[in-house]
Amino acid sequence: MEIREVFARNLRRHRQKRGLSQEALAHEAGVDRTYISALERSVYGASIDMIDKLAKVLQIEPATLLDRSDGKSRK
């Protein structure tokens, strides 16, 4: 799986885990909802600064958004 797809999957999973809509995440991160949608569909790649900003909103480490594991073994 390409890193952009890994990021998209992890972003969506962690956003949903926190109970945030794309719009709520976008608002907290100071970006447009369509940008979050595009990230989750692997249309765009996020900059390292954006990964950090999104991770802060999601209250996770930035590396978590790039983790290639499937997350099944994690709580």
PDB file of N, CA and C in Angstrom:
ATOM      1  N   MET A   1       0.847  -1.173   0.000  1.00  0.00           N
ATOM      2  CA  MET A   1       0.000   0.000   0.000  1.00  0.00           C
ATOM      3  C   MET A   1       0.895   1.239   0.000  1.00  0.00           C
ATOM      4  N   GLU A   2       0.543   2.192  -0.827  1.00  0.00           N
ATOM      5  CA  GLU A   2       1.298   3.445  -0.915  1.00  0.00           C
ATOM      6  C   GLU A   2       1.127   4.256   0.369  1.00  0.00           C
ATOM      7  N   ILE A   3       2.130   5.055   0.707  1.00  0.00           N
ATOM      8  CA  ILE A   3       2.095   5.831   1.953  1.00  0.00           C
ATOM      9  C   ILE A   3       0.903   6.800   1.976  1.00  0.00           C
ATOM     10  N   ARG A   4       0.527   7.319   0.825  1.00  0.00           N
ATOM     11  CA  ARG A   4      -0.631   8.221   0.771  1.00  0.00           C
ATOM     12  C   ARG A   4      -1.910   7.479   1.158  1.00  0.00           C
ATOM     13  N   GLU A   5      -2.020   6.223   0.741  1.00  0.00           N
ATOM     14  CA  GLU A   5      -3.179   5.398   1.100  1.00  0.00           C
ATOM     15  C   GLU A   5      -3.151   5.032   2.582  1.00  0.00           C
ATOM     16  N   VAL A   6      -1.962   4.765   3.094  1.00  0.00           N
ATOM     17  CA  VAL A   6      -1.800   4.469   4.521  1.00  0.00           C
ATOM     18  C   VAL A   6      -2.257   5.671   5.341  1.00  0.00           C
ATOM     19  N   PHE A   7      -1.783   6.842   4.957  1.00  0.00           N
ATOM     20  CA  PHE A   7      -2.171   8.064   5.646  1.00  0.00           C
ATOM     21  C   PHE A   7      -3.685   8.271   5.588  1.00  0.00           C
ATOM     22  N   ALA A   8      -4.269   8.096   4.416  1.00  0.00           N
ATOM     23  CA  ALA A   8      -5.716   8.283   4.235  1.00  0.00           C
ATOM     24  C   ALA A   8      -6.504   7.343   5.142  1.00  0.00           C
ATOM     25  N   ARG A   9      -6.113   6.095   5.170  1.00  0.00           N
ATOM     26  CA  ARG A   9      -6.796   5.093   6.008  1.00  0.00           C
ATOM     27  C   ARG A   9      -6.691   5.460   7.485  1.00  0.00           C
ATOM     28  N   ASN A  10      -5.491   5.828   7.906  1.00  0.00           N
ATOM     29  CA  ASN A  10      -5.282   6.168   9.315  1.00  0.00           C
ATOM     30  C   ASN A  10      -5.993   7.457   9.707  1.00  0.00           C
ATOM     31  N   LEU A  11      -5.983   8.430   8.826  1.00  0.00           N
ATOM     32  CA  LEU A  11      -6.672   9.689   9.109  1.00  0.00           C
ATOM     33  C   LEU A  11      -8.158   9.435   9.321  1.00  0.00           C
ATOM     34  N   ARG A  12      -8.764   8.690   8.412  1.00  0.00           N
ATOM     35  CA  ARG A  12     -10.198   8.392   8.516  1.00  0.00           C
ATOM     36  C   ARG A  12     -10.494   7.605   9.791  1.00  0.00           C
ATOM     37  N   ARG A  13      -9.696   6.584  10.055  1.00  0.00           N
ATOM     38  CA  ARG A  13      -9.924   5.737  11.232  1.00  0.00           C
ATOM     39  C   ARG A  13      -9.830   6.537  12.528  1.00  0.00           C
ATOM     40  N   HIS A  14      -8.811   7.355  12.653  1.00  0.00           N
ATOM     41  CA  HIS A  14      -8.631   8.126  13.889  1.00  0.00           C
ATOM     42  C   HIS A  14      -9.650   9.256  14.007  1.00  0.00           C
ATOM     43  N   ARG A  15     -10.049   9.833  12.890  1.00  0.00           N
ATOM     44  CA  ARG A  15     -11.099  10.858  12.919  1.00  0.00           C
ATOM     45  C   ARG A  15     -12.406  10.241  13.423  1.00  0.00           C
ATOM     46  N   GLN A  16     -12.756   9.097  12.883  1.00  0.00           N
ATOM     47  CA  GLN A  16     -13.990   8.431  13.294  1.00  0.00           C
ATOM     48  C   GLN A  16     -13.910   7.953  14.741  1.00  0.00           C
ATOM     49  N   LYS A  17     -12.744   7.477  15.131  1.00  0.00           N
ATOM     50  CA  LYS A  17     -12.537   7.026  16.512  1.00  0.00           C
ATOM     51  C   LYS A  17     -12.789   8.161  17.507  1.00  0.00           C
ATOM     52  N   ARG A  18     -12.420   9.377  17.131  1.00  0.00           N
ATOM     53  CA  ARG A  18     -12.643  10.550  17.989  1.00  0.00           C
ATOM     54  C   ARG A  18     -14.056  11.112  17.834  1.00  0.00           C
ATOM     55  N   GLY A  19     -14.828  10.533  16.935  1.00  0.00           N
ATOM     56  CA  GLY A  19     -16.199  10.979  16.749  1.00  0.00           C
ATOM     57  C   GLY A  19     -16.322  12.313  16.041  1.00  0.00           C
ATOM     58  N   LEU A  20     -15.346  12.623  15.195  1.00  0.00           N
ATOM     59  CA  LEU A  20     -15.341  13.892  14.474  1.00  0.00           C
ATOM     60  C   LEU A  20     -15.815  13.709  13.038  1.00  0.00           C
ATOM     61  N   SER A  21     -16.597  14.638  12.567  1.00  0.00           N
ATOM     62  CA  SER A  21     -16.937  14.678  11.147  1.00  0.00           C
ATOM     63  C   SER A  21     -15.745  15.283  10.402  1.00  0.00           C
ATOM     64  N   GLN A  22     -15.753  15.160   9.085  1.00  0.00           N
ATOM     65  CA  GLN A  22     -14.712  15.818   8.291  1.00  0.00           C
ATOM     66  C   GLN A  22     -14.760  17.317   8.525  1.00  0.00           C
ATOM     67  N   GLU A  23     -15.951  17.850   8.632  1.00  0.00           N
ATOM     68  CA  GLU A  23     -16.113  19.289   8.840  1.00  0.00           C
ATOM     69  C   GLU A  23     -15.545  19.728  10.189  1.00  0.00           C
ATOM     70  N   ALA A  24     -15.798  18.942  11.235  1.00  0.00           N
ATOM     71  CA  ALA A  24     -15.288  19.289  12.563  1.00  0.00           C
ATOM     72  C   ALA A  24     -13.762  19.215  12.598  1.00  0.00           C
ATOM     73  N   LEU A  25     -13.195  18.181  11.997  1.00  0.00           N
ATOM     74  CA  LEU A  25     -11.734  18.056  11.943  1.00  0.00           C
ATOM     75  C   LEU A  25     -11.146  19.232  11.163  1.00  0.00           C
ATOM     76  N   ALA A  26     -11.750  19.537  10.045  1.00  0.00           N
ATOM     77  CA  ALA A  26     -11.267  20.650   9.222  1.00  0.00           C
ATOM     78  C   ALA A  26     -11.307  21.959   9.996  1.00  0.00           C
ATOM     79  N   HIS A  27     -12.395  22.194  10.698  1.00  0.00           N
ATOM     80  CA  HIS A  27     -12.530  23.423  11.478  1.00  0.00           C
ATOM     81  C   HIS A  27     -11.433  23.519  12.532  1.00  0.00           C
ATOM     82  N   GLU A  28     -11.220  22.445  13.266  1.00  0.00           N
ATOM     83  CA  GLU A  28     -10.193  22.433  14.319  1.00  0.00           C
ATOM     84  C   GLU A  28      -8.788  22.610  13.753  1.00  0.00           C
ATOM     85  N   ALA A  29      -8.555  22.087  12.551  1.00  0.00           N
ATOM     86  CA  ALA A  29      -7.232  22.170  11.925  1.00  0.00           C
ATOM     87  C   ALA A  29      -7.049  23.443  11.103  1.00  0.00           C
ATOM     88  N   GLY A  30      -8.135  24.190  10.914  1.00  0.00           N
ATOM     89  CA  GLY A  30      -8.038  25.434  10.146  1.00  0.00           C
ATOM     90  C   GLY A  30      -7.906  25.231   8.654  1.00  0.00           C
ATOM     91  N   VAL A  31      -8.555  24.165   8.144  1.00  0.00           N
ATOM     92  CA  VAL A  31      -8.532  23.893   6.707  1.00  0.00           C
ATOM     93  C   VAL A  31      -9.967  23.676   6.232  1.00  0.00           C
ATOM     94  N   ASP A  32     -10.134  23.564   4.928  1.00  0.00           N
ATOM     95  CA  ASP A  32     -11.455  23.338   4.350  1.00  0.00           C
ATOM     96  C   ASP A  32     -11.837  21.859   4.443  1.00  0.00           C
ATOM     97  N   ARG A  33     -13.136  21.594   4.594  1.00  0.00           N
ATOM     98  CA  ARG A  33     -13.608  20.215   4.677  1.00  0.00           C
ATOM     99  C   ARG A  33     -13.265  19.428   3.416  1.00  0.00           C
ATOM    100  N   THR A  34     -13.291  20.090   2.266  1.00  0.00           N
ATOM    101  CA  THR A  34     -12.981  19.380   1.023  1.00  0.00           C
ATOM    102  C   THR A  34     -11.524  18.910   0.996  1.00  0.00           C
ATOM    103  N   TYR A  35     -10.649  19.612   1.703  1.00  0.00           N
ATOM    104  CA  TYR A  35      -9.247  19.193   1.797  1.00  0.00           C
ATOM    105  C   TYR A  35      -9.147  17.903   2.608  1.00  0.00           C
ATOM    106  N   ILE A  36      -9.873  17.827   3.727  1.00  0.00           N
ATOM    107  CA  ILE A  36      -9.878  16.601   4.536  1.00  0.00           C
ATOM    108  C   ILE A  36     -10.423  15.445   3.704  1.00  0.00           C
ATOM    109  N   SER A  37     -11.498  15.700   2.972  1.00  0.00           N
ATOM    110  CA  SER A  37     -12.074  14.678   2.109  1.00  0.00           C
ATOM    111  C   SER A  37     -11.054  14.184   1.081  1.00  0.00           C
ATOM    112  N   ALA A  38     -10.351  15.113   0.472  1.00  0.00           N
ATOM    113  CA  ALA A  38      -9.344  14.750  -0.531  1.00  0.00           C
ATOM    114  C   ALA A  38      -8.201  13.961   0.090  1.00  0.00           C
ATOM    115  N   LEU A  39      -7.796  14.317   1.305  1.00  0.00           N
ATOM    116  CA  LEU A  39      -6.752  13.558   1.988  1.00  0.00           C
ATOM    117  C   LEU A  39      -7.218  12.131   2.254  1.00  0.00           C
ATOM    118  N   GLU A  40      -8.450  11.980   2.701  1.00  0.00           N
ATOM    119  CA  GLU A  40      -8.989  10.658   3.025  1.00  0.00           C
ATOM    120  C   GLU A  40      -9.233   9.806   1.781  1.00  0.00           C
ATOM    121  N   ARG A  41      -9.298  10.426   0.629  1.00  0.00           N
ATOM    122  CA  ARG A  41      -9.459   9.693  -0.631  1.00  0.00           C
ATOM    123  C   ARG A  41      -8.132   9.549  -1.375  1.00  0.00           C
ATOM    124  N   SER A  42      -7.043   9.947  -0.756  1.00  0.00           N
ATOM    125  CA  SER A  42      -5.697   9.865  -1.349  1.00  0.00           C
ATOM    126  C   SER A  42      -5.544  10.733  -2.591  1.00  0.00           C
ATOM    127  N   VAL A  43      -6.366  11.767  -2.720  1.00  0.00           N
ATOM    128  CA  VAL A  43      -6.251  12.684  -3.858  1.00  0.00           C
ATOM    129  C   VAL A  43      -5.039  13.590  -3.659  1.00  0.00           C
ATOM    130  N   TYR A  44      -4.859  14.070  -2.427  1.00  0.00           N
ATOM    131  CA  TYR A  44      -3.729  14.928  -2.085  1.00  0.00           C
ATOM    132  C   TYR A  44      -2.834  14.220  -1.089  1.00  0.00           C
ATOM    133  N   GLY A  45      -1.577  14.608  -1.089  1.00  0.00           N
ATOM    134  CA  GLY A  45      -0.644  14.194  -0.053  1.00  0.00           C
ATOM    135  C   GLY A  45      -0.480  15.348   0.917  1.00  0.00           C
ATOM    136  N   ALA A  46      -0.380  15.043   2.188  1.00  0.00           N
ATOM    137  CA  ALA A  46      -0.256  16.091   3.211  1.00  0.00           C
ATOM    138  C   ALA A  46       1.204  16.430   3.461  1.00  0.00           C
ATOM    139  N   SER A  47       1.455  17.703   3.736  1.00  0.00           N
ATOM    140  CA  SER A  47       2.802  18.124   4.117  1.00  0.00           C
ATOM    141  C   SER A  47       3.085  17.629   5.536  1.00  0.00           C
ATOM    142  N   ILE A  48       4.331  17.629   5.906  1.00  0.00           N
ATOM    143  CA  ILE A  48       4.715  17.211   7.250  1.00  0.00           C
ATOM    144  C   ILE A  48       4.090  18.131   8.297  1.00  0.00           C
ATOM    145  N   ASP A  49       3.972  19.407   7.978  1.00  0.00           N
ATOM    146  CA  ASP A  49       3.340  20.353   8.900  1.00  0.00           C
ATOM    147  C   ASP A  49       1.852  20.047   9.066  1.00  0.00           C
ATOM    148  N   MET A  50       1.189  19.668   7.974  1.00  0.00           N
ATOM    149  CA  MET A  50      -0.236  19.332   8.053  1.00  0.00           C
ATOM    150  C   MET A  50      -0.441  18.028   8.827  1.00  0.00           C
ATOM    151  N   ILE A  51       0.431  17.076   8.637  1.00  0.00           N
ATOM    152  CA  ILE A  51       0.344  15.826   9.402  1.00  0.00           C
ATOM    153  C   ILE A  51       0.446  16.133  10.891  1.00  0.00           C
ATOM    154  N   ASP A  52       1.363  17.012  11.259  1.00  0.00           N
ATOM    155  CA  ASP A  52       1.524  17.403  12.656  1.00  0.00           C
ATOM    156  C   ASP A  52       0.273  18.099  13.175  1.00  0.00           C
ATOM    157  N   LYS A  53      -0.271  19.005  12.393  1.00  0.00           N
ATOM    158  CA  LYS A  53      -1.464  19.750  12.809  1.00  0.00           C
ATOM    159  C   LYS A  53      -2.661  18.814  13.003  1.00  0.00           C
ATOM    160  N   LEU A  54      -2.873  17.900  12.059  1.00  0.00           N
ATOM    161  CA  LEU A  54      -3.988  16.957  12.170  1.00  0.00           C
ATOM    162  C   LEU A  54      -3.803  16.017  13.359  1.00  0.00           C
ATOM    163  N   ALA A  55      -2.573  15.576  13.579  1.00  0.00           N
ATOM    164  CA  ALA A  55      -2.298  14.694  14.720  1.00  0.00           C
ATOM    165  C   ALA A  55      -2.603  15.390  16.038  1.00  0.00           C
ATOM    166  N   LYS A  56      -2.267  16.657  16.137  1.00  0.00           N
ATOM    167  CA  LYS A  56      -2.567  17.407  17.361  1.00  0.00           C
ATOM    168  C   LYS A  56      -4.067  17.478  17.607  1.00  0.00           C
ATOM    169  N   VAL A  57      -4.834  17.750  16.560  1.00  0.00           N
ATOM    170  CA  VAL A  57      -6.288  17.807  16.692  1.00  0.00           C
ATOM    171  C   VAL A  57      -6.827  16.435  17.117  1.00  0.00           C
ATOM    172  N   LEU A  58      -6.261  15.371  16.540  1.00  0.00           N
ATOM    173  CA  LEU A  58      -6.719  14.014  16.849  1.00  0.00           C
ATOM    174  C   LEU A  58      -6.125  13.468  18.142  1.00  0.00           C
ATOM    175  N   GLN A  59      -5.221  14.242  18.741  1.00  0.00           N
ATOM    176  CA  GLN A  59      -4.565  13.867  20.002  1.00  0.00           C
ATOM    177  C   GLN A  59      -3.814  12.542  19.885  1.00  0.00           C
ATOM    178  N   ILE A  60      -3.042  12.445  18.794  1.00  0.00           N
ATOM    179  CA  ILE A  60      -2.189  11.278  18.553  1.00  0.00           C
ATOM    180  C   ILE A  60      -0.819  11.774  18.108  1.00  0.00           C
ATOM    181  N   GLU A  61       0.135  10.888  18.084  1.00  0.00           N
ATOM    182  CA  GLU A  61       1.462  11.224  17.574  1.00  0.00           C
ATOM    183  C   GLU A  61       1.404  11.279  16.047  1.00  0.00           C
ATOM    184  N   PRO A  62       2.124  12.190  15.423  1.00  0.00           N
ATOM    185  CA  PRO A  62       2.116  12.275  13.963  1.00  0.00           C
ATOM    186  C   PRO A  62       2.481  10.950  13.283  1.00  0.00           C
ATOM    187  N   ALA A  63       3.403  10.221  13.849  1.00  0.00           N
ATOM    188  CA  ALA A  63       3.821   8.947  13.257  1.00  0.00           C
ATOM    189  C   ALA A  63       2.672   7.953  13.154  1.00  0.00           C
ATOM    190  N   THR A  64       1.683   8.087  14.023  1.00  0.00           N
ATOM    191  CA  THR A  64       0.529   7.196  14.003  1.00  0.00           C
ATOM    192  C   THR A  64      -0.222   7.303  12.676  1.00  0.00           C
ATOM    193  N   LEU A  65      -0.234   8.483  12.098  1.00  0.00           N
ATOM    194  CA  LEU A  65      -0.925   8.678  10.825  1.00  0.00           C
ATOM    195  C   LEU A  65      -0.183   8.041   9.654  1.00  0.00           C
ATOM    196  N   LEU A  66       1.074   7.678   9.875  1.00  0.00           N
ATOM    197  CA  LEU A  66       1.869   7.047   8.819  1.00  0.00           C
ATOM    198  C   LEU A  66       2.167   5.582   9.106  1.00  0.00           C
ATOM    199  N   ASP A  67       1.572   5.052  10.151  1.00  0.00           N
ATOM    200  CA  ASP A  67       1.808   3.673  10.582  1.00  0.00           C
ATOM    201  C   ASP A  67       1.201   2.688   9.588  1.00  0.00           C
ATOM    202  N   ARG A  68       2.029   1.812   9.045  1.00  0.00           N
ATOM    203  CA  ARG A  68       1.577   0.848   8.039  1.00  0.00           C
ATOM    204  C   ARG A  68       0.866  -0.371   8.628  1.00  0.00           C
ATOM    205  N   SER A  69       0.940  -0.579   9.938  1.00  0.00           N
ATOM    206  CA  SER A  69       0.246  -1.723  10.520  1.00  0.00           C
ATOM    207  C   SER A  69      -1.259  -1.523  10.394  1.00  0.00           C
ATOM    208  N   ASP A  70      -2.003  -2.591  10.459  1.00  0.00           N
ATOM    209  CA  ASP A  70      -3.444  -2.479  10.220  1.00  0.00           C
ATOM    210  C   ASP A  70      -4.230  -1.995  11.427  1.00  0.00           C
ATOM    211  N   GLY A  71      -3.583  -1.866  12.578  1.00  0.00           N
ATOM    212  CA  GLY A  71      -4.254  -1.333  13.754  1.00  0.00           C
ATOM    213  C   GLY A  71      -5.104  -2.350  14.502  1.00  0.00           C
ATOM    214  N   LYS A  72      -5.207  -3.566  14.017  1.00  0.00           N
ATOM    215  CA  LYS A  72      -6.040  -4.570  14.661  1.00  0.00           C
ATOM    216  C   LYS A  72      -5.496  -5.027  15.996  1.00  0.00           C
ATOM    217  N   SER A  73      -4.182  -4.986  16.137  1.00  0.00           N
ATOM    218  CA  SER A  73      -3.583  -5.452  17.387  1.00  0.00           C
ATOM    219  C   SER A  73      -3.513  -4.353  18.440  1.00  0.00           C
ATOM    220  N   ARG A  74      -3.984  -3.146  18.106  1.00  0.00           N
ATOM    221  CA  ARG A  74      -3.909  -2.017  19.017  1.00  0.00           C
ATOM    222  C   ARG A  74      -5.239  -1.758  19.676  1.00  0.00           C
ATOM    223  N   LYS A  75      -5.175  -1.123  20.842  1.00  0.00           N
ATOM    224  CA  LYS A  75      -6.394  -0.757  21.545  1.00  0.00           C
ATOM    225  C   LYS A  75      -6.673   0.700  21.382  1.00  0.00           C
TER     226      LYS A  75
END
